[in-house]
Structure formats: C-alpha cells, structure tokens
Amino acid sequence: MLLNRDWIAAHIPHQGTMCLLDRVEEWDAQRVRCRAISHRAPANPLRANGRLAAACGIEYAAQAMAVHGALLAQHDAAPRAGFLASVRGAALHVARLDDITADLMVEAARFSGDGNNVLYDFSIHADGVVLLEGRAAVILDAQGGVGLTITPGDQP
C-alpha cells in the first residue's frame, strides 16, 4: 500500500493545501514518521507575511498524529475524531520553517493513552537536525472543539 499524499488526504480531515504531509515513511503501533515538502510552498496556508513560523510545525505534528490514528484504525475500527488539547514542553530550535531547504521529517510517538486521551511526543527534523519538539495531548471524540494551550516553559 502506497501511503502518499492522496492516501493521507483520504484519511484525515485536512484537505487541499491544508493537508501538509506528503508521505508516510514508516509506522508501527507506537509511532509514525512522515515526510513533508509543503513548508517550502509559497501557497502554504499557514504562512503569514510570506513566512512560515516554526510554531506552525505543531500543525504538521498534529497531522502526523491524525495519520497515526487512521493507520491504527485500519486494523481495529473507524478512525475517531481527535482534538489537540494541549502542547507542553514545546522547544522551537529555529525561527521559521520556510527557509529550510531539506524535506521535513515529522515524527510522533504515542507514549500513553486510554480510550479517550492520547499523549504523543513529537519532533520535526531536517537533514538530521531537530527543528522543534514537544509533547501533545489529544482528546478523542470530544463534543465540539477544545482550545489549544501552548506552554513553552513546561517540561515534558
């Protein structure tokens, strides 16, 4: 099975240019690693004033988590709606992503969870250099959206 951008767009809610990931490189029950090239696209919908801030990498990571959920659901049941509830211990090691010439490697590793909550560590690398990293909590099947809370000073 080819896990390219078309497969990703068919399995996560993000469509059009908002689908930021291009390919699933590898995955297992605990983790997923995806490749992205959209950070270089002038039409990237997350750009502001022609720039893509490093904090936008959190959306790349959230989409990788959604992909992971969809991959796991193939073997179990239909994917469940998830909402990014919080990001903790976020460390941005660069100011922006649009000036990174290499492809982004977006990794999410599930380290805890129950029926309604999932915790992931995430990181984004390019050419072996960590660009950003952190920890995220996802709430599954929540009624309505949950506000995102980013607390850069928190330690995972």
N, C-alpha and C. Protein backbone atom coordinates (compact mmCIF):
# COMPACT_ATOMS: atom_id res chain seq x y z
N MET A 1 0.85 -1.18 0.00
CA MET A 1 0.00 0.00 0.00
C MET A 1 0.89 1.24 0.00
N LEU A 2 0.62 2.15 -0.93
CA LEU A 2 1.37 3.39 -1.04
C LEU A 2 0.73 4.44 -0.14
N LEU A 3 1.46 4.90 0.84
CA LEU A 3 0.93 5.87 1.80
C LEU A 3 1.44 7.26 1.43
N ASN A 4 0.90 7.77 0.31
CA ASN A 4 1.31 9.07 -0.19
C ASN A 4 0.30 10.15 0.21
N ARG A 5 0.45 11.33 -0.36
CA ARG A 5 -0.41 12.46 0.00
C ARG A 5 -1.89 12.15 -0.27
N ASP A 6 -2.18 11.46 -1.36
CA ASP A 6 -3.58 11.12 -1.66
C ASP A 6 -4.16 10.22 -0.57
N TRP A 7 -3.38 9.24 -0.11
CA TRP A 7 -3.86 8.36 0.97
C TRP A 7 -4.08 9.18 2.24
N ILE A 8 -3.12 10.04 2.56
CA ILE A 8 -3.23 10.86 3.77
C ILE A 8 -4.48 11.73 3.71
N ALA A 9 -4.69 12.43 2.59
CA ALA A 9 -5.86 13.32 2.46
C ALA A 9 -7.17 12.55 2.55
N ALA A 10 -7.16 11.29 2.15
CA ALA A 10 -8.38 10.48 2.23
C ALA A 10 -8.67 10.00 3.64
N HIS A 11 -7.69 10.11 4.55
CA HIS A 11 -7.84 9.53 5.88
C HIS A 11 -7.78 10.53 7.04
N ILE A 12 -7.48 11.79 6.74
CA ILE A 12 -7.51 12.81 7.79
C ILE A 12 -8.42 13.95 7.32
N PRO A 13 -8.90 14.78 8.22
CA PRO A 13 -9.86 15.81 7.82
C PRO A 13 -9.25 16.97 7.03
N HIS A 14 -7.95 17.11 6.98
CA HIS A 14 -7.30 18.24 6.33
C HIS A 14 -7.25 18.02 4.82
N GLN A 15 -7.77 18.98 4.07
CA GLN A 15 -7.87 18.83 2.62
C GLN A 15 -7.17 19.98 1.90
N GLY A 16 -6.98 19.80 0.60
CA GLY A 16 -6.36 20.84 -0.21
C GLY A 16 -4.97 21.18 0.30
N THR A 17 -4.63 22.45 0.25
CA THR A 17 -3.30 22.86 0.71
C THR A 17 -3.13 22.71 2.21
N MET A 18 -4.23 22.52 2.94
CA MET A 18 -4.13 22.34 4.40
C MET A 18 -3.65 20.94 4.76
N CYS A 19 -3.67 20.01 3.82
CA CYS A 19 -3.06 18.70 4.04
C CYS A 19 -1.56 18.89 3.82
N LEU A 20 -0.81 18.93 4.91
CA LEU A 20 0.59 19.36 4.88
C LEU A 20 1.59 18.24 4.66
N LEU A 21 1.20 17.00 4.88
CA LEU A 21 2.13 15.87 4.80
C LEU A 21 2.09 15.23 3.42
N ASP A 22 3.23 14.70 2.98
CA ASP A 22 3.31 14.13 1.63
C ASP A 22 3.43 12.62 1.60
N ARG A 23 3.97 12.04 2.63
CA ARG A 23 4.17 10.58 2.59
C ARG A 23 4.42 10.05 3.99
N VAL A 24 3.92 8.85 4.24
CA VAL A 24 4.26 8.12 5.46
C VAL A 24 5.50 7.31 5.15
N GLU A 25 6.56 7.57 5.86
CA GLU A 25 7.82 6.86 5.65
C GLU A 25 7.83 5.51 6.36
N GLU A 26 7.37 5.52 7.61
CA GLU A 26 7.28 4.28 8.38
C GLU A 26 6.35 4.49 9.56
N TRP A 27 5.83 3.37 10.06
CA TRP A 27 4.95 3.45 11.21
C TRP A 27 4.83 2.09 11.86
N ASP A 28 4.45 2.11 13.14
CA ASP A 28 4.10 0.89 13.86
C ASP A 28 3.05 1.29 14.90
N ALA A 29 2.75 0.42 15.81
CA ALA A 29 1.67 0.68 16.77
C ALA A 29 1.97 1.87 17.68
N GLN A 30 3.23 2.25 17.85
CA GLN A 30 3.58 3.33 18.77
C GLN A 30 3.99 4.62 18.09
N ARG A 31 4.40 4.57 16.84
CA ARG A 31 4.96 5.79 16.23
C ARG A 31 4.68 5.86 14.74
N VAL A 32 4.86 7.08 14.22
CA VAL A 32 4.74 7.32 12.79
C VAL A 32 5.80 8.35 12.40
N ARG A 33 6.32 8.19 11.20
CA ARG A 33 7.27 9.18 10.65
C ARG A 33 6.79 9.53 9.25
N CYS A 34 6.55 10.82 9.03
CA CYS A 34 6.04 11.31 7.76
C CYS A 34 7.02 12.31 7.15
N ARG A 35 6.94 12.44 5.84
CA ARG A 35 7.76 13.41 5.10
C ARG A 35 6.84 14.54 4.64
N ALA A 36 7.37 15.77 4.67
CA ALA A 36 6.62 16.93 4.20
C ALA A 36 7.53 17.83 3.37
N ILE A 37 6.95 18.37 2.31
CA ILE A 37 7.66 19.35 1.49
C ILE A 37 6.89 20.68 1.43
N SER A 38 5.70 20.70 1.99
CA SER A 38 4.81 21.86 1.87
C SER A 38 5.34 23.11 2.59
N HIS A 39 6.32 22.95 3.46
CA HIS A 39 6.87 24.12 4.16
C HIS A 39 7.55 25.08 3.19
N ARG A 40 7.95 24.58 2.03
CA ARG A 40 8.61 25.43 1.03
C ARG A 40 7.63 26.08 0.07
N ALA A 41 6.37 25.67 0.10
CA ALA A 41 5.38 26.16 -0.87
C ALA A 41 4.94 27.59 -0.53
N PRO A 42 5.03 28.50 -1.49
CA PRO A 42 4.55 29.86 -1.25
C PRO A 42 3.07 29.90 -0.90
N ALA A 43 2.29 28.91 -1.35
CA ALA A 43 0.85 28.88 -1.08
C ALA A 43 0.49 28.15 0.22
N ASN A 44 1.48 27.83 1.04
CA ASN A 44 1.20 27.15 2.31
C ASN A 44 0.21 28.02 3.10
N PRO A 45 -0.94 27.47 3.50
CA PRO A 45 -1.96 28.28 4.16
C PRO A 45 -1.57 28.77 5.56
N LEU A 46 -0.50 28.25 6.12
CA LEU A 46 -0.07 28.69 7.45
C LEU A 46 0.91 29.86 7.39
N ARG A 47 1.33 30.22 6.20
CA ARG A 47 2.26 31.35 6.07
C ARG A 47 1.58 32.66 6.46
N ALA A 48 2.36 33.52 7.07
CA ALA A 48 1.92 34.88 7.39
C ALA A 48 3.03 35.82 6.96
N ASN A 49 2.67 36.84 6.21
CA ASN A 49 3.66 37.80 5.71
C ASN A 49 4.79 37.10 4.96
N GLY A 50 4.43 36.05 4.21
CA GLY A 50 5.42 35.34 3.39
C GLY A 50 6.32 34.40 4.16
N ARG A 51 6.08 34.22 5.44
CA ARG A 51 6.95 33.38 6.28
C ARG A 51 6.14 32.28 6.95
N LEU A 52 6.81 31.17 7.22
CA LEU A 52 6.18 30.05 7.94
C LEU A 52 6.92 29.90 9.27
N ALA A 53 6.31 30.38 10.34
CA ALA A 53 6.94 30.35 11.66
C ALA A 53 7.12 28.91 12.12
N ALA A 54 8.17 28.67 12.89
CA ALA A 54 8.46 27.32 13.39
C ALA A 54 7.30 26.76 14.21
N ALA A 55 6.56 27.61 14.91
CA ALA A 55 5.42 27.13 15.71
C ALA A 55 4.38 26.44 14.84
N CYS A 56 4.34 26.75 13.55
CA CYS A 56 3.41 26.08 12.64
C CYS A 56 3.75 24.60 12.50
N GLY A 57 4.95 24.22 12.88
CA GLY A 57 5.34 22.82 12.87
C GLY A 57 4.46 21.98 13.78
N ILE A 58 3.84 22.60 14.77
CA ILE A 58 2.93 21.88 15.66
C ILE A 58 1.76 21.31 14.86
N GLU A 59 1.29 22.06 13.86
CA GLU A 59 0.21 21.56 13.00
C GLU A 59 0.69 20.36 12.18
N TYR A 60 1.93 20.41 11.70
CA TYR A 60 2.49 19.25 10.99
C TYR A 60 2.48 18.02 11.91
N ALA A 61 2.90 18.23 13.14
CA ALA A 61 2.93 17.11 14.11
C ALA A 61 1.51 16.61 14.39
N ALA A 62 0.56 17.53 14.54
CA ALA A 62 -0.83 17.13 14.80
C ALA A 62 -1.38 16.30 13.65
N GLN A 63 -1.02 16.66 12.42
CA GLN A 63 -1.47 15.87 11.28
C GLN A 63 -0.82 14.49 11.27
N ALA A 64 0.44 14.41 11.69
CA ALA A 64 1.08 13.09 11.80
C ALA A 64 0.37 12.23 12.84
N MET A 65 -0.07 12.85 13.94
CA MET A 65 -0.83 12.11 14.95
C MET A 65 -2.15 11.60 14.37
N ALA A 66 -2.81 12.44 13.57
CA ALA A 66 -4.06 12.03 12.92
C ALA A 66 -3.81 10.88 11.96
N VAL A 67 -2.71 10.94 11.22
CA VAL A 67 -2.34 9.85 10.31
C VAL A 67 -2.12 8.57 11.11
N HIS A 68 -1.42 8.69 12.24
CA HIS A 68 -1.17 7.51 13.08
C HIS A 68 -2.48 6.89 13.53
N GLY A 69 -3.41 7.73 13.98
CA GLY A 69 -4.72 7.23 14.39
C GLY A 69 -5.44 6.52 13.25
N ALA A 70 -5.36 7.08 12.04
CA ALA A 70 -6.00 6.46 10.88
C ALA A 70 -5.35 5.13 10.54
N LEU A 71 -4.03 5.06 10.65
CA LEU A 71 -3.33 3.80 10.37
C LEU A 71 -3.71 2.72 11.38
N LEU A 72 -3.80 3.11 12.65
CA LEU A 72 -4.20 2.14 13.67
C LEU A 72 -5.64 1.70 13.48
N ALA A 73 -6.49 2.62 13.05
CA ALA A 73 -7.91 2.30 12.87
C ALA A 73 -8.14 1.30 11.75
N GLN A 74 -7.23 1.23 10.79
CA GLN A 74 -7.38 0.27 9.70
C GLN A 74 -7.47 -1.15 10.22
N HIS A 75 -6.80 -1.39 11.34
CA HIS A 75 -6.76 -2.74 11.89
C HIS A 75 -7.82 -2.96 12.96
N ASP A 76 -8.34 -1.88 13.52
CA ASP A 76 -9.27 -2.00 14.64
C ASP A 76 -10.68 -1.57 14.26
N ALA A 77 -10.87 -0.29 14.05
CA ALA A 77 -12.20 0.24 13.78
C ALA A 77 -12.05 1.54 13.00
N ALA A 78 -13.14 2.22 12.78
CA ALA A 78 -13.10 3.51 12.08
C ALA A 78 -12.32 4.53 12.91
N PRO A 79 -11.60 5.46 12.23
CA PRO A 79 -10.87 6.48 12.98
C PRO A 79 -11.82 7.34 13.79
N ARG A 80 -11.36 7.77 14.93
CA ARG A 80 -12.15 8.61 15.82
C ARG A 80 -11.69 10.05 15.67
N ALA A 81 -12.62 10.98 15.79
CA ALA A 81 -12.27 12.40 15.72
C ALA A 81 -11.39 12.74 16.91
N GLY A 82 -10.36 13.51 16.66
CA GLY A 82 -9.46 13.91 17.74
C GLY A 82 -9.25 15.42 17.72
N PHE A 83 -9.04 15.98 18.88
CA PHE A 83 -8.78 17.40 19.01
C PHE A 83 -7.50 17.59 19.80
N LEU A 84 -6.62 18.43 19.29
CA LEU A 84 -5.39 18.75 20.00
C LEU A 84 -5.77 19.58 21.22
N ALA A 85 -5.56 19.03 22.41
CA ALA A 85 -5.98 19.69 23.64
C ALA A 85 -4.89 20.55 24.24
N SER A 86 -3.64 20.09 24.17
CA SER A 86 -2.55 20.89 24.72
C SER A 86 -1.23 20.49 24.11
N VAL A 87 -0.30 21.43 24.15
CA VAL A 87 1.08 21.19 23.75
C VAL A 87 1.93 21.65 24.92
N ARG A 88 2.84 20.79 25.35
CA ARG A 88 3.68 21.11 26.50
C ARG A 88 5.14 20.89 26.14
N GLY A 89 5.98 21.63 26.80
CA GLY A 89 7.42 21.47 26.61
C GLY A 89 7.87 21.74 25.19
N ALA A 90 7.13 22.58 24.47
CA ALA A 90 7.50 22.88 23.08
C ALA A 90 8.83 23.63 23.06
N ALA A 91 9.73 23.14 22.24
CA ALA A 91 11.02 23.80 22.06
C ALA A 91 11.21 24.04 20.57
N LEU A 92 11.28 25.31 20.20
CA LEU A 92 11.49 25.70 18.82
C LEU A 92 12.97 26.02 18.66
N HIS A 93 13.67 25.21 17.87
CA HIS A 93 15.12 25.39 17.72
C HIS A 93 15.48 26.25 16.52
N VAL A 94 14.48 26.63 15.73
CA VAL A 94 14.65 27.56 14.61
C VAL A 94 13.50 28.55 14.68
N ALA A 95 13.64 29.67 13.99
CA ALA A 95 12.59 30.68 13.99
C ALA A 95 11.52 30.41 12.94
N ARG A 96 11.92 29.80 11.84
CA ARG A 96 10.97 29.58 10.74
C ARG A 96 11.29 28.29 10.00
N LEU A 97 10.28 27.82 9.25
CA LEU A 97 10.42 26.57 8.50
C LEU A 97 10.55 26.79 7.00
N ASP A 98 10.05 27.89 6.48
CA ASP A 98 10.04 28.10 5.03
C ASP A 98 11.44 28.26 4.44
N ASP A 99 12.43 28.56 5.25
CA ASP A 99 13.79 28.69 4.74
C ASP A 99 14.60 27.41 4.91
N ILE A 100 13.97 26.32 5.32
CA ILE A 100 14.62 25.02 5.42
C ILE A 100 14.54 24.37 4.04
N THR A 101 15.67 24.10 3.42
CA THR A 101 15.66 23.57 2.05
C THR A 101 15.40 22.07 2.00
N ALA A 102 15.74 21.35 3.05
CA ALA A 102 15.54 19.89 3.07
C ALA A 102 14.07 19.58 3.37
N ASP A 103 13.67 18.34 3.02
CA ASP A 103 12.34 17.86 3.40
C ASP A 103 12.25 17.78 4.92
N LEU A 104 11.05 17.96 5.44
CA LEU A 104 10.82 17.81 6.88
C LEU A 104 10.47 16.36 7.18
N MET A 105 11.04 15.83 8.25
CA MET A 105 10.67 14.52 8.76
C MET A 105 9.89 14.78 10.04
N VAL A 106 8.62 14.43 10.03
CA VAL A 106 7.70 14.71 11.13
C VAL A 106 7.44 13.41 11.86
N GLU A 107 7.82 13.37 13.14
CA GLU A 107 7.68 12.15 13.93
C GLU A 107 6.76 12.36 15.11
N ALA A 108 5.90 11.38 15.35
CA ALA A 108 5.03 11.38 16.52
C ALA A 108 5.10 10.00 17.15
N ALA A 109 5.33 9.96 18.45
CA ALA A 109 5.44 8.69 19.18
C ALA A 109 4.43 8.68 20.32
N ARG A 110 3.49 7.76 20.25
CA ARG A 110 2.47 7.62 21.29
C ARG A 110 3.12 6.95 22.50
N PHE A 111 3.05 7.60 23.65
CA PHE A 111 3.67 7.00 24.83
C PHE A 111 2.66 6.69 25.93
N SER A 112 1.42 7.16 25.77
CA SER A 112 0.41 6.88 26.78
C SER A 112 -0.95 7.13 26.18
N GLY A 113 -1.96 6.54 26.77
CA GLY A 113 -3.31 6.81 26.30
C GLY A 113 -4.29 5.81 26.86
N ASP A 114 -5.56 6.22 26.80
CA ASP A 114 -6.64 5.33 27.18
C ASP A 114 -7.71 5.47 26.10
N GLY A 115 -8.92 5.13 26.42
CA GLY A 115 -9.98 5.16 25.43
C GLY A 115 -10.30 6.52 24.86
N ASN A 116 -10.02 7.60 25.60
CA ASN A 116 -10.40 8.93 25.14
C ASN A 116 -9.27 9.95 25.08
N ASN A 117 -8.11 9.61 25.59
CA ASN A 117 -6.98 10.54 25.61
C ASN A 117 -5.73 9.83 25.11
N VAL A 118 -4.94 10.56 24.32
CA VAL A 118 -3.70 10.01 23.81
C VAL A 118 -2.61 11.06 24.01
N LEU A 119 -1.44 10.62 24.46
CA LEU A 119 -0.30 11.52 24.62
C LEU A 119 0.79 11.12 23.63
N TYR A 120 1.33 12.11 22.94
CA TYR A 120 2.39 11.90 21.95
C TYR A 120 3.57 12.80 22.26
N ASP A 121 4.77 12.29 22.05
CA ASP A 121 5.95 13.12 21.89
C ASP A 121 6.07 13.36 20.40
N PHE A 122 6.50 14.56 20.01
CA PHE A 122 6.66 14.84 18.58
C PHE A 122 7.96 15.59 18.34
N SER A 123 8.45 15.47 17.12
CA SER A 123 9.62 16.23 16.71
C SER A 123 9.60 16.38 15.20
N ILE A 124 10.25 17.43 14.74
CA ILE A 124 10.43 17.66 13.32
C ILE A 124 11.91 17.87 13.09
N HIS A 125 12.42 17.12 12.11
CA HIS A 125 13.85 17.14 11.76
C HIS A 125 14.01 17.50 10.29
N ALA A 126 15.16 18.03 9.94
CA ALA A 126 15.54 18.23 8.55
C ALA A 126 17.05 18.00 8.48
N ASP A 127 17.45 17.13 7.58
CA ASP A 127 18.88 16.78 7.45
C ASP A 127 19.50 16.39 8.79
N GLY A 128 18.74 15.67 9.62
CA GLY A 128 19.25 15.18 10.90
C GLY A 128 19.29 16.20 12.01
N VAL A 129 18.82 17.40 11.77
CA VAL A 129 18.81 18.47 12.77
C VAL A 129 17.39 18.61 13.33
N VAL A 130 17.26 18.64 14.65
CA VAL A 130 15.95 18.83 15.28
C VAL A 130 15.55 20.30 15.15
N LEU A 131 14.38 20.53 14.54
CA LEU A 131 13.89 21.90 14.35
C LEU A 131 12.92 22.31 15.46
N LEU A 132 12.09 21.38 15.90
CA LEU A 132 11.20 21.62 17.02
C LEU A 132 10.78 20.29 17.61
N GLU A 133 10.34 20.35 18.87
CA GLU A 133 9.92 19.13 19.56
C GLU A 133 9.02 19.51 20.72
N GLY A 134 8.28 18.54 21.19
CA GLY A 134 7.39 18.78 22.32
C GLY A 134 6.53 17.57 22.61
N ARG A 135 5.50 17.80 23.37
CA ARG A 135 4.56 16.76 23.79
C ARG A 135 3.15 17.30 23.58
N ALA A 136 2.25 16.44 23.11
CA ALA A 136 0.89 16.87 22.83
C ALA A 136 -0.11 15.90 23.43
N ALA A 137 -1.24 16.46 23.86
CA ALA A 137 -2.36 15.66 24.33
C ALA A 137 -3.49 15.79 23.32
N VAL A 138 -4.06 14.64 22.95
CA VAL A 138 -5.17 14.60 22.01
C VAL A 138 -6.36 13.98 22.73
N ILE A 139 -7.52 14.63 22.61
CA ILE A 139 -8.76 14.11 23.17
C ILE A 139 -9.57 13.55 22.01
N LEU A 140 -10.00 12.31 22.14
CA LEU A 140 -10.77 11.65 21.09
C LEU A 140 -12.26 11.79 21.33
N ASP A 141 -12.98 11.98 20.25
CA ASP A 141 -14.44 12.05 20.27
C ASP A 141 -14.98 13.09 21.24
N ALA A 142 -14.27 14.21 21.39
CA ALA A 142 -14.78 15.29 22.25
C ALA A 142 -15.95 15.96 21.56
N GLN A 143 -16.90 16.44 22.32
CA GLN A 143 -18.03 17.17 21.77
C GLN A 143 -17.58 18.59 21.49
N GLY A 144 -17.49 18.95 20.21
CA GLY A 144 -17.02 20.28 19.84
C GLY A 144 -15.51 20.35 19.97
N GLY A 145 -14.95 21.48 19.66
CA GLY A 145 -13.51 21.65 19.71
C GLY A 145 -13.01 21.95 21.10
N VAL A 146 -11.74 21.72 21.29
CA VAL A 146 -11.07 22.02 22.54
C VAL A 146 -9.99 23.04 22.22
N GLY A 147 -9.89 24.09 23.01
CA GLY A 147 -8.90 25.12 22.77
C GLY A 147 -7.49 24.59 22.93
N LEU A 148 -6.59 25.07 22.13
CA LEU A 148 -5.19 24.68 22.18
C LEU A 148 -4.48 25.52 23.21
N THR A 149 -3.71 24.88 24.08
CA THR A 149 -2.91 25.58 25.06
C THR A 149 -1.46 25.25 24.82
N ILE A 150 -0.63 26.26 24.57
CA ILE A 150 0.79 26.05 24.37
C ILE A 150 1.51 26.66 25.54
N THR A 151 2.31 25.85 26.23
CA THR A 151 3.05 26.32 27.39
C THR A 151 4.52 25.98 27.19
N PRO A 152 5.28 26.87 26.51
CA PRO A 152 6.67 26.56 26.18
C PRO A 152 7.55 26.28 27.37
N GLY A 153 7.26 26.83 28.52
CA GLY A 153 8.12 26.62 29.69
C GLY A 153 7.92 25.30 30.39
N ASP A 154 6.85 24.60 30.08
CA ASP A 154 6.56 23.33 30.74
C ASP A 154 7.54 22.26 30.30
N GLN A 155 7.90 21.42 31.19
CA GLN A 155 8.77 20.31 30.87
C GLN A 155 7.94 19.05 30.68
N PRO A 156 8.27 18.24 29.66
CA PRO A 156 7.51 17.02 29.44
C PRO A 156 7.67 16.02 30.58
